[in-house]
N, C-alpha and C. Protein backbone atom coordinates (compact mmCIF):
# COMPACT_ATOMS: atom_id res chain seq x y z
N UNK A 1 149.17 81.06 69.30
CA UNK A 1 147.75 80.77 69.13
C UNK A 1 147.34 79.65 70.06
N UNK A 2 146.32 79.88 70.94
CA UNK A 2 145.92 78.86 71.89
C UNK A 2 145.35 77.62 71.25
N UNK A 3 145.60 76.50 71.82
CA UNK A 3 145.12 75.23 71.31
C UNK A 3 143.61 75.12 71.59
N UNK A 4 142.86 74.63 70.56
CA UNK A 4 141.38 74.52 70.69
C UNK A 4 141.01 73.61 71.83
N UNK A 5 141.75 72.52 71.96
CA UNK A 5 141.46 71.55 73.03
C UNK A 5 141.66 72.17 74.40
N UNK A 6 142.72 72.97 74.56
CA UNK A 6 142.96 73.61 75.86
C UNK A 6 141.85 74.59 76.18
N UNK A 7 141.40 75.37 75.13
CA UNK A 7 140.32 76.33 75.32
C UNK A 7 139.05 75.62 75.77
N UNK A 8 138.76 74.47 75.09
CA UNK A 8 137.55 73.72 75.46
C UNK A 8 137.62 73.17 76.85
N UNK A 9 138.80 72.65 77.26
CA UNK A 9 138.93 72.13 78.59
C UNK A 9 138.81 73.21 79.65
N UNK A 10 139.41 74.41 79.36
CA UNK A 10 139.29 75.53 80.26
C UNK A 10 137.84 75.97 80.44
N UNK A 11 137.07 76.02 79.34
CA UNK A 11 135.66 76.40 79.40
C UNK A 11 134.85 75.40 80.22
N UNK A 12 135.15 74.13 80.02
CA UNK A 12 134.47 73.08 80.77
C UNK A 12 134.76 73.21 82.26
N UNK A 13 136.05 73.45 82.56
CA UNK A 13 136.46 73.58 83.96
C UNK A 13 135.77 74.77 84.64
N UNK A 14 135.69 75.89 83.89
CA UNK A 14 135.01 77.06 84.44
C UNK A 14 133.57 76.77 84.69
N UNK A 15 132.87 76.12 83.73
CA UNK A 15 131.51 75.77 83.89
C UNK A 15 131.26 74.84 85.04
N UNK A 16 132.13 73.82 85.18
CA UNK A 16 131.97 72.89 86.30
C UNK A 16 132.23 73.57 87.63
N UNK A 17 133.20 74.48 87.66
CA UNK A 17 133.48 75.20 88.93
C UNK A 17 132.28 76.07 89.31
N UNK A 18 131.67 76.73 88.32
CA UNK A 18 130.48 77.54 88.60
C UNK A 18 129.33 76.71 89.08
N UNK A 19 129.19 75.50 88.43
CA UNK A 19 128.09 74.59 88.86
C UNK A 19 128.30 74.09 90.25
N UNK A 20 129.54 73.69 90.56
CA UNK A 20 129.85 73.18 91.91
C UNK A 20 129.61 74.28 92.94
N UNK A 21 129.98 75.49 92.55
CA UNK A 21 129.82 76.63 93.51
C UNK A 21 128.35 76.94 93.71
N UNK A 22 127.52 76.70 92.67
CA UNK A 22 126.08 77.05 92.75
C UNK A 22 125.28 75.96 93.47
N UNK A 23 125.71 74.71 93.41
CA UNK A 23 124.93 73.59 93.96
C UNK A 23 124.62 73.84 95.48
N UNK A 24 125.58 74.20 96.32
CA UNK A 24 125.23 74.45 97.72
C UNK A 24 124.20 75.59 97.88
N UNK A 25 124.35 76.63 97.06
CA UNK A 25 123.39 77.73 97.11
C UNK A 25 122.01 77.27 96.68
N UNK A 26 122.00 76.44 95.63
CA UNK A 26 120.71 75.91 95.17
C UNK A 26 120.02 75.06 96.24
N UNK A 27 120.81 74.22 96.90
CA UNK A 27 120.26 73.32 97.93
C UNK A 27 119.76 74.17 99.09
N UNK A 28 120.57 75.15 99.50
CA UNK A 28 120.16 76.04 100.62
C UNK A 28 118.88 76.76 100.32
N UNK A 29 118.81 77.34 99.11
CA UNK A 29 117.59 78.05 98.67
C UNK A 29 116.41 77.11 98.60
N UNK A 30 116.61 75.91 98.14
CA UNK A 30 115.55 74.95 98.04
C UNK A 30 115.00 74.53 99.41
N UNK A 31 115.95 74.39 100.36
CA UNK A 31 115.55 74.08 101.73
C UNK A 31 114.70 75.19 102.32
N UNK A 32 115.15 76.45 102.12
CA UNK A 32 114.40 77.62 102.61
C UNK A 32 112.98 77.61 102.02
N UNK A 33 112.94 77.37 100.70
CA UNK A 33 111.63 77.39 100.01
C UNK A 33 110.73 76.27 100.55
N UNK A 34 111.26 75.06 100.73
CA UNK A 34 110.45 73.94 101.24
C UNK A 34 109.95 74.23 102.64
N UNK A 35 110.81 74.83 103.47
CA UNK A 35 110.36 75.21 104.83
C UNK A 35 109.21 76.22 104.73
N UNK A 36 109.34 77.18 103.81
CA UNK A 36 108.27 78.20 103.65
C UNK A 36 106.97 77.58 103.19
N UNK A 37 107.08 76.60 102.27
CA UNK A 37 105.87 75.94 101.78
C UNK A 37 105.17 75.15 102.91
N UNK A 38 105.98 74.48 103.75
CA UNK A 38 105.40 73.74 104.88
C UNK A 38 104.78 74.67 105.87
N UNK A 39 105.51 75.74 106.26
CA UNK A 39 104.91 76.72 107.22
C UNK A 39 103.66 77.33 106.63
N UNK A 40 103.66 77.68 105.34
CA UNK A 40 102.49 78.28 104.70
C UNK A 40 101.31 77.34 104.74
N UNK A 41 101.52 76.05 104.44
CA UNK A 41 100.46 75.07 104.47
C UNK A 41 99.86 74.92 105.87
N UNK A 42 100.75 74.92 106.89
CA UNK A 42 100.33 74.81 108.32
C UNK A 42 99.43 76.00 108.67
N UNK A 43 99.91 77.22 108.34
CA UNK A 43 99.16 78.40 108.63
C UNK A 43 97.81 78.45 107.90
N UNK A 44 97.78 77.94 106.71
CA UNK A 44 96.53 77.89 105.95
C UNK A 44 95.54 77.02 106.67
N UNK A 45 95.97 75.83 107.14
CA UNK A 45 95.11 74.95 107.90
C UNK A 45 94.62 75.57 109.19
N UNK A 46 95.51 76.30 109.86
CA UNK A 46 95.15 77.02 111.10
C UNK A 46 94.06 78.03 110.84
N UNK A 47 94.20 78.80 109.75
CA UNK A 47 93.17 79.79 109.39
C UNK A 47 91.85 79.10 109.12
N UNK A 48 91.89 78.02 108.34
CA UNK A 48 90.66 77.28 108.01
C UNK A 48 89.98 76.75 109.25
N UNK A 49 90.80 76.14 110.14
CA UNK A 49 90.21 75.60 111.38
C UNK A 49 89.66 76.69 112.29
N UNK A 50 90.33 77.85 112.26
CA UNK A 50 89.82 78.98 113.06
C UNK A 50 88.48 79.48 112.54
N UNK A 51 88.38 79.62 111.23
CA UNK A 51 87.13 80.03 110.60
C UNK A 51 86.03 78.98 110.88
N UNK A 52 86.43 77.72 110.88
CA UNK A 52 85.46 76.65 111.13
C UNK A 52 84.99 76.67 112.58
N UNK A 53 85.93 76.88 113.49
CA UNK A 53 85.61 76.91 114.93
C UNK A 53 84.69 78.13 115.23
N UNK A 54 84.97 79.24 114.60
CA UNK A 54 84.17 80.46 114.85
C UNK A 54 82.90 80.51 114.01
N UNK A 55 82.71 79.49 113.14
CA UNK A 55 81.52 79.38 112.28
C UNK A 55 81.34 80.71 111.49
N UNK A 56 82.45 81.16 110.90
CA UNK A 56 82.41 82.39 110.15
C UNK A 56 81.51 82.30 108.92
N UNK A 57 81.62 81.14 108.22
CA UNK A 57 80.80 80.97 107.01
C UNK A 57 79.30 81.04 107.30
N UNK A 58 78.91 80.38 108.41
CA UNK A 58 77.47 80.41 108.82
C UNK A 58 77.06 81.85 109.20
N UNK A 59 77.96 82.55 109.88
CA UNK A 59 77.68 83.94 110.25
C UNK A 59 77.48 84.81 109.03
N UNK A 60 78.38 84.66 108.05
CA UNK A 60 78.29 85.47 106.86
C UNK A 60 77.05 85.12 106.05
N UNK A 61 76.74 83.84 105.99
CA UNK A 61 75.53 83.41 105.29
C UNK A 61 74.26 83.97 105.96
N UNK A 62 74.26 83.99 107.29
CA UNK A 62 73.14 84.49 108.05
C UNK A 62 72.87 85.97 107.74
N UNK A 63 73.93 86.72 107.53
CA UNK A 63 73.78 88.16 107.29
C UNK A 63 73.87 88.52 105.79
N UNK A 64 73.53 87.56 104.99
CA UNK A 64 73.34 87.86 103.59
C UNK A 64 74.53 88.01 102.72
N UNK A 65 75.74 87.62 103.20
CA UNK A 65 76.92 87.68 102.34
C UNK A 65 76.81 86.57 101.30
N UNK A 66 77.01 86.89 100.01
CA UNK A 66 76.89 85.84 98.98
C UNK A 66 77.79 84.63 99.31
N UNK A 67 77.16 83.45 99.23
CA UNK A 67 77.85 82.26 99.65
C UNK A 67 78.68 81.73 98.48
N UNK A 68 79.92 81.31 98.80
CA UNK A 68 80.80 80.72 97.81
C UNK A 68 80.94 79.22 98.12
N UNK A 69 81.35 78.45 97.14
CA UNK A 69 81.41 77.00 97.28
C UNK A 69 82.84 76.49 97.29
N UNK A 70 83.06 75.44 98.09
CA UNK A 70 84.31 74.66 98.07
C UNK A 70 85.53 75.56 98.23
N UNK A 71 86.46 75.48 97.21
CA UNK A 71 87.73 76.24 97.32
C UNK A 71 87.51 77.76 97.20
N UNK A 72 86.30 78.14 96.73
CA UNK A 72 86.04 79.60 96.56
C UNK A 72 85.26 80.14 97.76
N UNK A 73 85.18 79.38 98.84
CA UNK A 73 84.56 79.88 100.07
C UNK A 73 85.41 81.02 100.62
N UNK A 74 84.72 81.92 101.34
CA UNK A 74 85.45 83.07 101.86
C UNK A 74 86.60 82.66 102.77
N UNK A 75 86.42 81.66 103.60
CA UNK A 75 87.49 81.19 104.48
C UNK A 75 88.66 80.66 103.67
N UNK A 76 88.35 79.94 102.56
CA UNK A 76 89.43 79.41 101.71
C UNK A 76 90.18 80.48 101.02
N UNK A 77 89.47 81.56 100.58
CA UNK A 77 90.13 82.70 99.91
C UNK A 77 91.10 83.38 100.86
N UNK A 78 90.65 83.68 102.09
CA UNK A 78 91.52 84.34 103.05
C UNK A 78 92.69 83.44 103.45
N UNK A 79 92.43 82.16 103.61
CA UNK A 79 93.52 81.22 103.98
C UNK A 79 94.54 81.11 102.87
N UNK A 80 94.06 81.13 101.62
CA UNK A 80 95.00 81.09 100.47
C UNK A 80 95.84 82.34 100.41
N UNK A 81 95.26 83.49 100.69
CA UNK A 81 96.04 84.73 100.72
C UNK A 81 97.14 84.64 101.77
N UNK A 82 96.79 84.14 102.94
CA UNK A 82 97.81 83.97 104.02
C UNK A 82 98.90 83.03 103.55
N UNK A 83 98.50 81.93 102.89
CA UNK A 83 99.48 80.94 102.44
C UNK A 83 100.47 81.53 101.46
N UNK A 84 99.96 82.26 100.45
CA UNK A 84 100.87 82.81 99.48
C UNK A 84 101.70 83.95 100.05
N UNK A 85 101.17 84.66 101.01
CA UNK A 85 101.96 85.71 101.67
C UNK A 85 103.16 85.11 102.34
N UNK A 86 102.99 84.02 103.05
CA UNK A 86 104.11 83.30 103.73
C UNK A 86 105.09 82.76 102.70
N UNK A 87 104.58 82.11 101.64
CA UNK A 87 105.47 81.54 100.62
C UNK A 87 106.35 82.64 100.01
N UNK A 88 105.75 83.77 99.70
CA UNK A 88 106.53 84.85 99.06
C UNK A 88 107.58 85.40 100.03
N UNK A 89 107.21 85.44 101.33
CA UNK A 89 108.16 85.91 102.35
C UNK A 89 109.41 84.97 102.34
N UNK A 90 109.18 83.66 102.21
CA UNK A 90 110.33 82.76 102.15
C UNK A 90 111.01 82.73 100.77
N UNK A 91 110.29 83.16 99.73
CA UNK A 91 110.89 83.24 98.40
C UNK A 91 111.91 84.37 98.32
N UNK A 92 111.76 85.40 99.13
CA UNK A 92 112.67 86.52 99.10
C UNK A 92 114.12 86.08 99.48
N UNK A 93 114.34 85.41 100.63
CA UNK A 93 115.71 84.92 100.91
C UNK A 93 116.17 83.85 99.91
N UNK A 94 115.19 83.08 99.38
CA UNK A 94 115.57 82.06 98.36
C UNK A 94 116.14 82.71 97.12
N UNK A 95 115.45 83.74 96.63
CA UNK A 95 115.94 84.48 95.45
C UNK A 95 117.28 85.15 95.73
N UNK A 96 117.44 85.63 96.98
CA UNK A 96 118.72 86.26 97.31
C UNK A 96 119.87 85.23 97.35
N UNK A 97 119.61 84.04 97.87
CA UNK A 97 120.63 83.01 97.91
C UNK A 97 120.99 82.56 96.51
N UNK A 98 119.96 82.47 95.64
CA UNK A 98 120.21 82.02 94.26
C UNK A 98 120.79 83.13 93.39
N UNK A 99 120.90 84.32 93.93
CA UNK A 99 121.45 85.41 93.13
C UNK A 99 120.54 85.91 92.06
N UNK A 100 119.27 86.11 92.41
CA UNK A 100 118.28 86.58 91.43
C UNK A 100 117.74 87.92 91.91
N UNK A 101 118.46 89.02 91.75
CA UNK A 101 118.01 90.32 92.28
C UNK A 101 116.74 90.84 91.64
N UNK A 102 116.53 90.59 90.38
CA UNK A 102 115.31 91.10 89.74
C UNK A 102 114.07 90.37 90.25
N UNK A 103 114.21 89.08 90.50
CA UNK A 103 113.09 88.34 91.06
C UNK A 103 112.80 88.88 92.46
N UNK A 104 113.83 89.20 93.21
CA UNK A 104 113.66 89.76 94.54
C UNK A 104 112.85 91.06 94.50
N UNK A 105 113.13 91.91 93.54
CA UNK A 105 112.43 93.18 93.39
C UNK A 105 110.96 92.91 93.12
N UNK A 106 110.68 91.97 92.19
CA UNK A 106 109.29 91.65 91.84
C UNK A 106 108.54 91.09 93.03
N UNK A 107 109.18 90.21 93.78
CA UNK A 107 108.54 89.60 94.95
C UNK A 107 108.24 90.65 96.03
N UNK A 108 109.16 91.61 96.20
CA UNK A 108 108.88 92.73 97.13
C UNK A 108 107.61 93.47 96.72
N UNK A 109 107.46 93.71 95.46
CA UNK A 109 106.24 94.42 95.01
C UNK A 109 105.00 93.58 95.23
N UNK A 110 105.10 92.28 95.01
CA UNK A 110 103.95 91.38 95.24
C UNK A 110 103.58 91.31 96.71
N UNK A 111 104.62 91.23 97.54
CA UNK A 111 104.33 91.09 99.00
C UNK A 111 103.78 92.40 99.56
N UNK A 112 104.09 93.51 98.96
CA UNK A 112 103.49 94.77 99.36
C UNK A 112 102.06 94.90 98.91
N UNK A 113 101.71 94.18 97.82
CA UNK A 113 100.36 94.26 97.27
C UNK A 113 99.38 93.32 97.94
N UNK A 114 99.87 92.16 98.38
CA UNK A 114 98.97 91.14 98.95
C UNK A 114 98.15 91.68 100.13
N UNK A 115 98.67 92.50 101.03
CA UNK A 115 97.80 93.06 102.09
C UNK A 115 96.61 93.85 101.55
N UNK A 116 96.76 94.49 100.39
CA UNK A 116 95.65 95.19 99.76
C UNK A 116 94.55 94.21 99.39
N UNK A 117 94.92 93.04 98.90
CA UNK A 117 93.94 92.01 98.56
C UNK A 117 93.19 91.54 99.82
N UNK A 118 93.97 91.31 100.87
CA UNK A 118 93.41 90.86 102.15
C UNK A 118 92.42 91.92 102.67
N UNK A 119 92.81 93.18 102.68
CA UNK A 119 91.97 94.24 103.16
C UNK A 119 90.72 94.41 102.31
N UNK A 120 90.89 94.24 100.98
CA UNK A 120 89.73 94.35 100.06
C UNK A 120 88.69 93.28 100.38
N UNK A 121 89.17 92.04 100.63
CA UNK A 121 88.25 90.96 100.98
C UNK A 121 87.52 91.27 102.29
N UNK A 122 88.23 91.78 103.29
CA UNK A 122 87.66 92.17 104.55
C UNK A 122 86.58 93.28 104.37
N UNK A 123 86.94 94.22 103.53
CA UNK A 123 85.98 95.36 103.21
C UNK A 123 84.70 94.80 102.65
N UNK A 124 84.84 93.85 101.71
CA UNK A 124 83.63 93.28 101.10
C UNK A 124 82.79 92.50 102.10
N UNK A 125 83.45 91.68 102.94
CA UNK A 125 82.70 90.91 103.91
C UNK A 125 81.98 91.76 104.92
N UNK A 126 82.71 92.73 105.51
CA UNK A 126 82.10 93.64 106.50
C UNK A 126 81.02 94.51 105.82
N UNK A 127 81.30 94.97 104.62
CA UNK A 127 80.32 95.80 103.93
C UNK A 127 79.02 95.08 103.66
N UNK A 128 79.09 93.81 103.23
CA UNK A 128 77.87 93.06 102.94
C UNK A 128 77.09 92.81 104.22
N UNK A 129 77.80 92.56 105.31
CA UNK A 129 77.14 92.36 106.62
C UNK A 129 76.42 93.65 107.04
N UNK A 130 77.08 94.80 106.88
CA UNK A 130 76.48 96.09 107.21
C UNK A 130 75.29 96.39 106.31
N UNK A 131 75.35 96.00 105.05
CA UNK A 131 74.26 96.22 104.13
C UNK A 131 73.04 95.41 104.56
N UNK A 132 73.26 94.16 104.97
CA UNK A 132 72.13 93.35 105.41
C UNK A 132 71.56 93.88 106.73
N UNK A 133 72.42 94.33 107.66
CA UNK A 133 71.93 94.89 108.90
C UNK A 133 71.14 96.17 108.66
N UNK A 134 71.60 97.01 107.74
CA UNK A 134 70.89 98.23 107.40
C UNK A 134 69.51 97.88 106.81
N UNK A 135 69.49 96.86 105.98
CA UNK A 135 68.21 96.38 105.39
C UNK A 135 67.24 95.98 106.46
N UNK A 136 67.71 95.20 107.45
CA UNK A 136 66.84 94.67 108.49
C UNK A 136 66.38 95.81 109.42
N UNK A 137 67.29 96.78 109.72
CA UNK A 137 66.97 97.89 110.57
C UNK A 137 65.89 98.73 109.95
N UNK A 138 65.99 98.97 108.65
CA UNK A 138 64.96 99.83 107.97
C UNK A 138 63.63 99.10 107.94
N UNK A 139 63.61 97.78 107.71
CA UNK A 139 62.35 97.04 107.75
C UNK A 139 61.71 97.10 109.15
N UNK A 140 62.53 97.07 110.18
CA UNK A 140 62.01 97.10 111.55
C UNK A 140 61.57 98.47 111.99
N UNK A 141 62.12 99.55 111.41
CA UNK A 141 61.85 100.89 111.89
C UNK A 141 60.87 101.64 110.99
N UNK A 142 60.35 101.03 109.97
CA UNK A 142 59.41 101.74 109.07
C UNK A 142 58.04 101.03 109.08
N UNK A 143 57.60 100.72 110.25
CA UNK A 143 56.28 100.04 110.35
C UNK A 143 55.11 100.97 110.10
N UNK A 144 55.36 102.27 110.13
CA UNK A 144 54.27 103.23 109.91
C UNK A 144 53.88 103.39 108.48
N UNK A 145 54.70 102.85 107.56
CA UNK A 145 54.41 102.96 106.14
C UNK A 145 54.05 101.58 105.58
N UNK A 146 53.63 101.57 104.34
CA UNK A 146 53.18 100.29 103.77
C UNK A 146 54.39 99.32 103.68
N UNK A 147 54.03 98.02 103.67
CA UNK A 147 55.08 96.97 103.64
C UNK A 147 55.88 97.05 102.36
N UNK A 148 55.18 97.32 101.26
CA UNK A 148 55.86 97.41 99.96
C UNK A 148 56.88 98.54 99.93
N UNK A 149 56.47 99.70 100.40
CA UNK A 149 57.39 100.87 100.46
C UNK A 149 58.57 100.58 101.37
N UNK A 150 58.29 99.94 102.49
CA UNK A 150 59.35 99.62 103.46
C UNK A 150 60.37 98.68 102.82
N UNK A 151 59.87 97.67 102.13
CA UNK A 151 60.80 96.71 101.47
C UNK A 151 61.58 97.40 100.36
N UNK A 152 60.94 98.28 99.63
CA UNK A 152 61.65 99.01 98.56
C UNK A 152 62.80 99.88 99.09
N UNK A 153 62.46 100.62 100.15
CA UNK A 153 63.51 101.49 100.74
C UNK A 153 64.65 100.63 101.31
N UNK A 154 64.31 99.51 101.96
CA UNK A 154 65.31 98.66 102.54
C UNK A 154 66.22 98.02 101.46
N UNK A 155 65.59 97.59 100.36
CA UNK A 155 66.34 97.01 99.25
C UNK A 155 67.27 98.01 98.60
N UNK A 156 66.73 99.22 98.38
CA UNK A 156 67.58 100.29 97.77
C UNK A 156 68.77 100.62 98.67
N UNK A 157 68.56 100.67 99.97
CA UNK A 157 69.63 100.95 100.93
C UNK A 157 70.70 99.83 100.89
N UNK A 158 70.20 98.60 100.88
CA UNK A 158 71.14 97.45 100.81
C UNK A 158 71.97 97.48 99.55
N UNK A 159 71.36 97.68 98.41
CA UNK A 159 72.06 97.74 97.14
C UNK A 159 73.04 98.92 97.10
N UNK A 160 72.61 100.05 97.64
CA UNK A 160 73.49 101.25 97.66
C UNK A 160 74.75 100.96 98.45
N UNK A 161 74.60 100.38 99.64
CA UNK A 161 75.77 100.07 100.49
C UNK A 161 76.65 99.02 99.81
N UNK A 162 76.02 97.98 99.17
CA UNK A 162 76.81 96.95 98.54
C UNK A 162 77.61 97.50 97.37
N UNK A 163 77.03 98.38 96.57
CA UNK A 163 77.78 99.00 95.47
C UNK A 163 78.91 99.85 96.00
N UNK A 164 78.64 100.63 97.05
CA UNK A 164 79.66 101.45 97.68
C UNK A 164 80.82 100.54 98.18
N UNK A 165 80.51 99.43 98.77
CA UNK A 165 81.53 98.53 99.27
C UNK A 165 82.37 97.97 98.16
N UNK A 166 81.72 97.54 97.06
CA UNK A 166 82.48 97.00 95.91
C UNK A 166 83.40 98.06 95.32
N UNK A 167 82.94 99.31 95.19
CA UNK A 167 83.79 100.37 94.70
C UNK A 167 84.94 100.64 95.65
N UNK A 168 84.68 100.58 96.95
CA UNK A 168 85.76 100.78 97.95
C UNK A 168 86.81 99.68 97.86
N UNK A 169 86.34 98.43 97.64
CA UNK A 169 87.29 97.28 97.53
C UNK A 169 88.13 97.43 96.27
N UNK A 170 87.53 97.83 95.16
CA UNK A 170 88.27 98.03 93.91
C UNK A 170 89.28 99.15 94.06
N UNK A 171 88.89 100.19 94.77
CA UNK A 171 89.81 101.29 95.03
C UNK A 171 91.00 100.83 95.85
N UNK A 172 90.71 99.96 96.86
CA UNK A 172 91.78 99.45 97.69
C UNK A 172 92.76 98.60 96.88
N UNK A 173 92.24 97.91 95.86
CA UNK A 173 93.10 97.11 95.01
C UNK A 173 93.82 97.94 93.99
N UNK A 174 93.47 99.20 93.87
CA UNK A 174 94.12 100.10 92.90
C UNK A 174 93.68 99.83 91.47
N UNK A 175 92.52 99.25 91.31
CA UNK A 175 91.97 98.95 89.97
C UNK A 175 91.31 100.20 89.40
N UNK A 176 91.95 100.83 88.43
CA UNK A 176 91.42 101.97 87.78
C UNK A 176 90.90 103.01 88.77
N UNK A 177 91.77 103.48 89.62
CA UNK A 177 91.40 104.35 90.74
C UNK A 177 90.62 105.60 90.26
N UNK A 178 91.08 106.22 89.18
CA UNK A 178 90.42 107.42 88.67
C UNK A 178 88.99 107.09 88.23
N UNK A 179 88.83 105.97 87.53
CA UNK A 179 87.53 105.52 87.07
C UNK A 179 86.62 105.23 88.26
N UNK A 180 87.14 104.58 89.29
CA UNK A 180 86.34 104.26 90.45
C UNK A 180 85.86 105.52 91.15
N UNK A 181 86.73 106.57 91.23
CA UNK A 181 86.35 107.80 91.83
C UNK A 181 85.24 108.48 91.04
N UNK A 182 85.34 108.44 89.72
CA UNK A 182 84.26 109.01 88.88
C UNK A 182 82.96 108.28 89.07
N UNK A 183 83.03 106.94 89.08
CA UNK A 183 81.83 106.13 89.26
C UNK A 183 81.20 106.39 90.64
N UNK A 184 82.05 106.48 91.66
CA UNK A 184 81.53 106.77 93.02
C UNK A 184 80.86 108.13 93.07
N UNK A 185 81.49 109.16 92.46
CA UNK A 185 80.89 110.48 92.46
C UNK A 185 79.54 110.46 91.72
N UNK A 186 79.52 109.79 90.57
CA UNK A 186 78.27 109.67 89.81
C UNK A 186 77.23 108.91 90.57
N UNK A 187 77.62 107.85 91.32
CA UNK A 187 76.65 107.07 92.06
C UNK A 187 76.02 107.88 93.19
N UNK A 188 76.87 108.64 93.92
CA UNK A 188 76.35 109.51 94.97
C UNK A 188 75.43 110.58 94.43
N UNK A 189 75.85 111.18 93.29
CA UNK A 189 75.00 112.20 92.67
C UNK A 189 73.64 111.61 92.22
N UNK A 190 73.68 110.38 91.69
CA UNK A 190 72.47 109.73 91.27
C UNK A 190 71.53 109.48 92.44
N UNK A 191 72.08 109.02 93.57
CA UNK A 191 71.26 108.80 94.75
C UNK A 191 70.67 110.12 95.27
N UNK A 192 71.46 111.20 95.26
CA UNK A 192 71.00 112.47 95.74
C UNK A 192 69.87 113.01 94.86
N UNK A 193 70.04 112.91 93.53
CA UNK A 193 69.01 113.39 92.60
C UNK A 193 67.76 112.54 92.72
N UNK A 194 67.96 111.18 92.79
CA UNK A 194 66.81 110.33 92.87
C UNK A 194 66.06 110.56 94.19
N UNK A 195 66.82 110.72 95.28
CA UNK A 195 66.16 111.01 96.58
C UNK A 195 65.42 112.32 96.58
N UNK A 196 66.05 113.37 95.94
CA UNK A 196 65.40 114.67 95.87
C UNK A 196 64.12 114.60 95.08
N UNK A 197 64.13 113.90 93.92
CA UNK A 197 62.95 113.82 93.11
C UNK A 197 61.85 113.03 93.83
N UNK A 198 62.26 111.89 94.46
CA UNK A 198 61.28 111.08 95.16
C UNK A 198 60.66 111.83 96.34
N UNK A 199 61.46 112.59 97.06
CA UNK A 199 60.94 113.35 98.16
C UNK A 199 60.06 114.50 97.67
N UNK A 200 60.49 115.11 96.56
CA UNK A 200 59.70 116.23 96.02
C UNK A 200 58.36 115.79 95.51
N UNK A 201 58.37 114.61 94.82
CA UNK A 201 57.05 114.13 94.28
C UNK A 201 56.20 113.48 95.36
N UNK A 202 56.87 112.70 96.22
CA UNK A 202 56.09 111.98 97.23
C UNK A 202 55.73 112.81 98.42
N UNK A 203 56.49 113.91 98.64
CA UNK A 203 56.18 114.73 99.85
C UNK A 203 55.41 115.98 99.58
N UNK A 204 54.85 116.12 98.40
CA UNK A 204 54.06 117.29 98.06
C UNK A 204 52.85 117.43 98.98
N UNK A 205 52.13 116.33 99.11
CA UNK A 205 50.91 116.41 99.93
C UNK A 205 51.23 116.68 101.38
N UNK A 206 52.30 116.05 101.89
CA UNK A 206 52.69 116.28 103.29
C UNK A 206 53.13 117.74 103.50
N UNK A 207 53.90 118.26 102.54
CA UNK A 207 54.36 119.65 102.66
C UNK A 207 53.16 120.59 102.60
N UNK A 208 52.18 120.30 101.75
CA UNK A 208 50.97 121.14 101.61
C UNK A 208 50.20 121.15 102.95
N UNK A 209 50.10 119.96 103.58
CA UNK A 209 49.37 119.87 104.85
C UNK A 209 50.06 120.65 105.94
N UNK A 210 51.42 120.58 105.94
CA UNK A 210 52.17 121.35 106.92
C UNK A 210 51.98 122.84 106.77
N UNK A 211 52.04 123.30 105.51
CA UNK A 211 51.91 124.69 105.25
C UNK A 211 50.50 125.19 105.63
N UNK A 212 49.48 124.38 105.28
CA UNK A 212 48.12 124.75 105.63
C UNK A 212 47.89 124.81 107.16
N UNK A 213 48.58 123.90 107.87
CA UNK A 213 48.45 123.86 109.31
C UNK A 213 49.08 125.13 109.92
N UNK A 214 50.22 125.51 109.38
CA UNK A 214 50.87 126.72 109.86
C UNK A 214 50.03 127.95 109.59
N UNK A 215 49.44 128.01 108.42
CA UNK A 215 48.54 129.14 108.07
C UNK A 215 47.37 129.21 109.00
N UNK A 216 46.81 128.04 109.31
CA UNK A 216 45.63 128.00 110.20
C UNK A 216 45.97 128.53 111.58
N UNK A 217 47.18 128.15 112.07
CA UNK A 217 47.61 128.61 113.41
C UNK A 217 47.89 130.10 113.39
N UNK A 218 48.39 130.64 112.29
CA UNK A 218 48.67 132.10 112.23
C UNK A 218 47.38 132.89 112.21
N UNK A 219 46.36 132.31 111.62
CA UNK A 219 45.07 133.02 111.57
C UNK A 219 44.44 133.04 112.98
């Protein structure tokens, strides 16, 4: 029968050996992670300075993109996405060095998802700019009708594009994809029905005049 003291000493020795063997791995993983955090912070500042130099926030504000404040500014959001993307890239070898395979799998899934977030933000920004441009183009090209009608048509177009863009961004993020497809189909159908009704009711007199003109020419 083994001595209790010997068993305890053996267990302690095994634990100490495992700890001593893990310490270099822990230090190496920590160094990799710290380097990743430093690189990520530098890239974040580069993105912020680039946006500042290109006056992206002023451009977006000019074209009607909803303005965000402080850390929730569009440039800050994109820079933060870049920062976390880099950190997670460095976390992958860190988890591998520390012997954490399950964490490695989760991080791989996260790093594959982050580009979707980046693309969704770009879709929203570009979409809002296009919506504002479409609004201005309609206002400039409908001078033959009343100002109120022109503004109404322009506003409807802008809201329609904005809603489409939001749905596209949610679909890119994979948020309730089936529900988004149903909402998108319903939204398009609603616009088609509303446009048909509006044209049918508002275009009756014009259609009557055209028909009467054709009849007169045939006579």
